[in-house]
Amino acid sequence: VQMVESGGGLVQGGGSLRLSCLARGSILSDFSGNAMAWYRQAPGNQRELIAVIRPGGSTNYADSVKGRFTISRLNARRMFYLNMENLKPEDTAVYYCNRDDKTWSWGQGTQVTVPS
């Protein structure tokens, strides 16, 4: 399964973006049964987990994005999303999506830039 991210861009501080992720390819199990996650990697940093959505819809967020980012999913289209509000310069990173156990193939990511 190959992940395809989209929706990044340049946005001023305090602005909003919505990222999308498509799981492309053959999935042995129903997509809805997978816990999916968003990750991000800033220059010089390791890739970090920032949001998870489980099959039942429960979610968890990293403290750095809690209250500003919202993860959601549309199982019928094998897609999930990250709504980002009140963006800050420290949110600048390449954003990636995958299963929460990182076992599907990583995509190219989508760049989010928030100038300081």
C-alpha atoms as a PDB file:
ATOM      1  CA  VAL A   1       0.000   0.000   0.000  1.00  0.00           C
ATOM      2  CA  GLN A   2       1.389   3.406  -1.012  1.00  0.00           C
ATOM      3  CA  MET A   3       0.484   6.570   0.849  1.00  0.00           C
ATOM      4  CA  VAL A   4      -0.214   9.752  -1.105  1.00  0.00           C
ATOM      5  CA  GLU A   5      -0.262  13.030   0.797  1.00  0.00           C
ATOM      6  CA  SER A   6      -1.515  16.387  -0.468  1.00  0.00           C
ATOM      7  CA  GLY A   7      -2.711  19.780   0.677  1.00  0.00           C
ATOM      8  CA  GLY A   8       0.419  21.406   2.041  1.00  0.00           C
ATOM      9  CA  GLY A   9       1.547  24.924   1.267  1.00  0.00           C
ATOM     10  CA  LEU A  10       2.753  28.252   2.570  1.00  0.00           C
ATOM     11  CA  VAL A  11       0.495  29.839   5.158  1.00  0.00           C
ATOM     12  CA  GLN A  12       0.933  32.766   7.499  1.00  0.00           C
ATOM     13  CA  GLY A  13       0.933  32.278  11.232  1.00  0.00           C
ATOM     14  CA  GLY A  14      -2.568  31.808  12.598  1.00  0.00           C
ATOM     15  CA  GLY A  15      -3.785  30.413   9.307  1.00  0.00           C
ATOM     16  CA  SER A  16      -5.292  27.015   8.464  1.00  0.00           C
ATOM     17  CA  LEU A  17      -4.640  24.120   6.115  1.00  0.00           C
ATOM     18  CA  ARG A  18      -6.259  20.781   5.442  1.00  0.00           C
ATOM     19  CA  LEU A  19      -4.034  17.861   4.511  1.00  0.00           C
ATOM     20  CA  SER A  20      -5.348  14.776   2.750  1.00  0.00           C
ATOM     21  CA  CYS A  21      -3.996  11.246   2.593  1.00  0.00           C
ATOM     22  CA  LEU A  22      -4.959   8.434   0.246  1.00  0.00           C
ATOM     23  CA  ALA A  23      -4.023   4.799   0.823  1.00  0.00           C
ATOM     24  CA  ARG A  24      -3.417   3.520  -2.689  1.00  0.00           C
ATOM     25  CA  GLY A  25      -3.051  -0.137  -3.607  1.00  0.00           C
ATOM     26  CA  SER A  26      -4.209  -3.523  -2.401  1.00  0.00           C
ATOM     27  CA  ILE A  27      -5.237  -3.780   1.230  1.00  0.00           C
ATOM     28  CA  LEU A  28      -5.686  -7.293   2.584  1.00  0.00           C
ATOM     29  CA  SER A  29      -8.067  -6.151   5.282  1.00  0.00           C
ATOM     30  CA  ASP A  30     -10.787  -3.517   5.266  1.00  0.00           C
ATOM     31  CA  PHE A  31      -9.267  -0.031   5.415  1.00  0.00           C
ATOM     32  CA  SER A  32     -11.650   0.896   8.196  1.00  0.00           C
ATOM     33  CA  GLY A  33      -9.966  -1.643  10.476  1.00  0.00           C
ATOM     34  CA  ASN A  34      -6.629   0.159  10.434  1.00  0.00           C
ATOM     35  CA  ALA A  35      -5.398   2.759  12.865  1.00  0.00           C
ATOM     36  CA  MET A  36      -4.025   5.612  10.780  1.00  0.00           C
ATOM     37  CA  ALA A  37      -1.670   8.398  11.705  1.00  0.00           C
ATOM     38  CA  TRP A  38      -0.105  11.653  10.624  1.00  0.00           C
ATOM     39  CA  TYR A  39       3.580  12.284  11.167  1.00  0.00           C
ATOM     40  CA  ARG A  40       5.831  15.235  10.472  1.00  0.00           C
ATOM     41  CA  GLN A  41       9.536  15.825  10.039  1.00  0.00           C
ATOM     42  CA  ALA A  42      11.145  19.204  10.442  1.00  0.00           C
ATOM     43  CA  PRO A  43      14.652  19.879   9.088  1.00  0.00           C
ATOM     44  CA  GLY A  44      17.264  18.250  11.290  1.00  0.00           C
ATOM     45  CA  ASN A  45      14.658  16.422  13.353  1.00  0.00           C
ATOM     46  CA  GLN A  46      13.344  12.873  13.431  1.00  0.00           C
ATOM     47  CA  ARG A  47       9.937  12.037  12.071  1.00  0.00           C
ATOM     48  CA  GLU A  48       7.396  12.396  14.867  1.00  0.00           C
ATOM     49  CA  LEU A  49       3.901  11.073  15.396  1.00  0.00           C
ATOM     50  CA  ILE A  50       1.391  13.883  15.799  1.00  0.00           C
ATOM     51  CA  ALA A  51      -2.095  12.377  15.429  1.00  0.00           C
ATOM     52  CA  VAL A  52      -3.745   8.958  15.402  1.00  0.00           C
ATOM     53  CA  ILE A  53      -7.270   7.866  14.535  1.00  0.00           C
ATOM     54  CA  ARG A  54      -8.372   4.349  15.413  1.00  0.00           C
ATOM     55  CA  PRO A  55     -11.000   2.148  13.716  1.00  0.00           C
ATOM     56  CA  GLY A  56     -13.707   3.227  16.144  1.00  0.00           C
ATOM     57  CA  GLY A  57     -12.900   6.896  15.619  1.00  0.00           C
ATOM     58  CA  SER A  58     -11.033   7.616  18.820  1.00  0.00           C
ATOM     59  CA  THR A  59      -8.103   9.976  18.428  1.00  0.00           C
ATOM     60  CA  ASN A  60      -4.873  10.980  20.123  1.00  0.00           C
ATOM     61  CA  TYR A  61      -2.653  13.976  19.530  1.00  0.00           C
ATOM     62  CA  ALA A  62       0.836  15.077  20.398  1.00  0.00           C
ATOM     63  CA  ASP A  63       0.854  17.835  22.984  1.00  0.00           C
ATOM     64  CA  SER A  64       2.365  20.216  20.439  1.00  0.00           C
ATOM     65  CA  VAL A  65      -0.738  20.085  18.212  1.00  0.00           C
ATOM     66  CA  LYS A  66      -3.515  19.253  20.665  1.00  0.00           C
ATOM     67  CA  GLY A  67      -6.405  21.684  20.392  1.00  0.00           C
ATOM     68  CA  ARG A  68      -5.250  22.985  17.004  1.00  0.00           C
ATOM     69  CA  PHE A  69      -5.174  19.905  14.738  1.00  0.00           C
ATOM     70  CA  THR A  70      -8.003  17.459  14.037  1.00  0.00           C
ATOM     71  CA  ILE A  71      -7.631  14.071  12.370  1.00  0.00           C
ATOM     72  CA  SER A  72     -10.571  12.477  10.573  1.00  0.00           C
ATOM     73  CA  ARG A  73     -11.176   9.672   8.104  1.00  0.00           C
ATOM     74  CA  LEU A  74     -13.439   8.705   5.207  1.00  0.00           C
ATOM     75  CA  ASN A  75     -13.195   4.936   5.016  1.00  0.00           C
ATOM     76  CA  ALA A  76     -15.249   4.540   1.856  1.00  0.00           C
ATOM     77  CA  ARG A  77     -12.588   6.441  -0.085  1.00  0.00           C
ATOM     78  CA  ARG A  78      -9.620   5.105   1.869  1.00  0.00           C
ATOM     79  CA  MET A  79      -8.737   8.617   2.832  1.00  0.00           C
ATOM     80  CA  PHE A  80      -8.009  10.482   5.984  1.00  0.00           C
ATOM     81  CA  TYR A  81      -7.367  14.116   6.768  1.00  0.00           C
ATOM     82  CA  LEU A  82      -5.606  16.540   9.066  1.00  0.00           C
ATOM     83  CA  ASN A  83      -7.277  19.882   9.684  1.00  0.00           C
ATOM     84  CA  MET A  84      -4.713  22.321  11.030  1.00  0.00           C
ATOM     85  CA  GLU A  85      -5.687  25.609  12.627  1.00  0.00           C
ATOM     86  CA  ASN A  86      -3.780  28.423  14.297  1.00  0.00           C
ATOM     87  CA  LEU A  87      -0.607  27.351  12.541  1.00  0.00           C
ATOM     88  CA  LYS A  88       2.710  28.385  14.033  1.00  0.00           C
ATOM     89  CA  PRO A  89       6.241  28.635  12.607  1.00  0.00           C
ATOM     90  CA  GLU A  90       7.180  25.519  14.588  1.00  0.00           C
ATOM     91  CA  ASP A  91       4.627  23.569  12.551  1.00  0.00           C
ATOM     92  CA  THR A  92       6.860  23.965   9.509  1.00  0.00           C
ATOM     93  CA  ALA A  93       7.716  20.442   8.354  1.00  0.00           C
ATOM     94  CA  VAL A  94       7.071  17.765   5.771  1.00  0.00           C
ATOM     95  CA  TYR A  95       3.898  15.928   6.745  1.00  0.00           C
ATOM     96  CA  TYR A  96       3.454  12.214   6.129  1.00  0.00           C
ATOM     97  CA  CYS A  97       0.701   9.676   6.691  1.00  0.00           C
ATOM     98  CA  ASN A  98       0.782   5.939   7.375  1.00  0.00           C
ATOM     99  CA  ARG A  99      -0.639   3.269   9.613  1.00  0.00           C
ATOM    100  CA  ASP A 100       0.176   3.856  13.256  1.00  0.00           C
ATOM    101  CA  ASP A 101       2.692   0.978  13.045  1.00  0.00           C
ATOM    102  CA  LYS A 102       4.306   2.532   9.940  1.00  0.00           C
ATOM    103  CA  THR A 103       4.047  -0.691   7.932  1.00  0.00           C
ATOM    104  CA  TRP A 104       2.735   0.749   4.679  1.00  0.00           C
ATOM    105  CA  SER A 105       4.976   2.445   2.137  1.00  0.00           C
ATOM    106  CA  TRP A 106       5.746   6.067   2.879  1.00  0.00           C
ATOM    107  CA  GLY A 107       4.721   8.703   0.399  1.00  0.00           C
ATOM    108  CA  GLN A 108       6.652  11.795  -0.627  1.00  0.00           C
ATOM    109  CA  GLY A 109       4.999  13.861   2.053  1.00  0.00           C
ATOM    110  CA  THR A 110       3.556  17.326   1.719  1.00  0.00           C
ATOM    111  CA  GLN A 111       5.427  20.453   2.773  1.00  0.00           C
ATOM    112  CA  VAL A 112       3.844  22.880   5.221  1.00  0.00           C
ATOM    113  CA  THR A 113       5.641  26.184   5.715  1.00  0.00           C
ATOM    114  CA  VAL A 114       4.664  28.802   8.269  1.00  0.00           C
ATOM    115  CA  PRO A 115       7.048  31.773   8.089  1.00  0.00           C
ATOM    116  CA  SER A 116       8.270  33.290  11.323  1.00  0.00           C
END
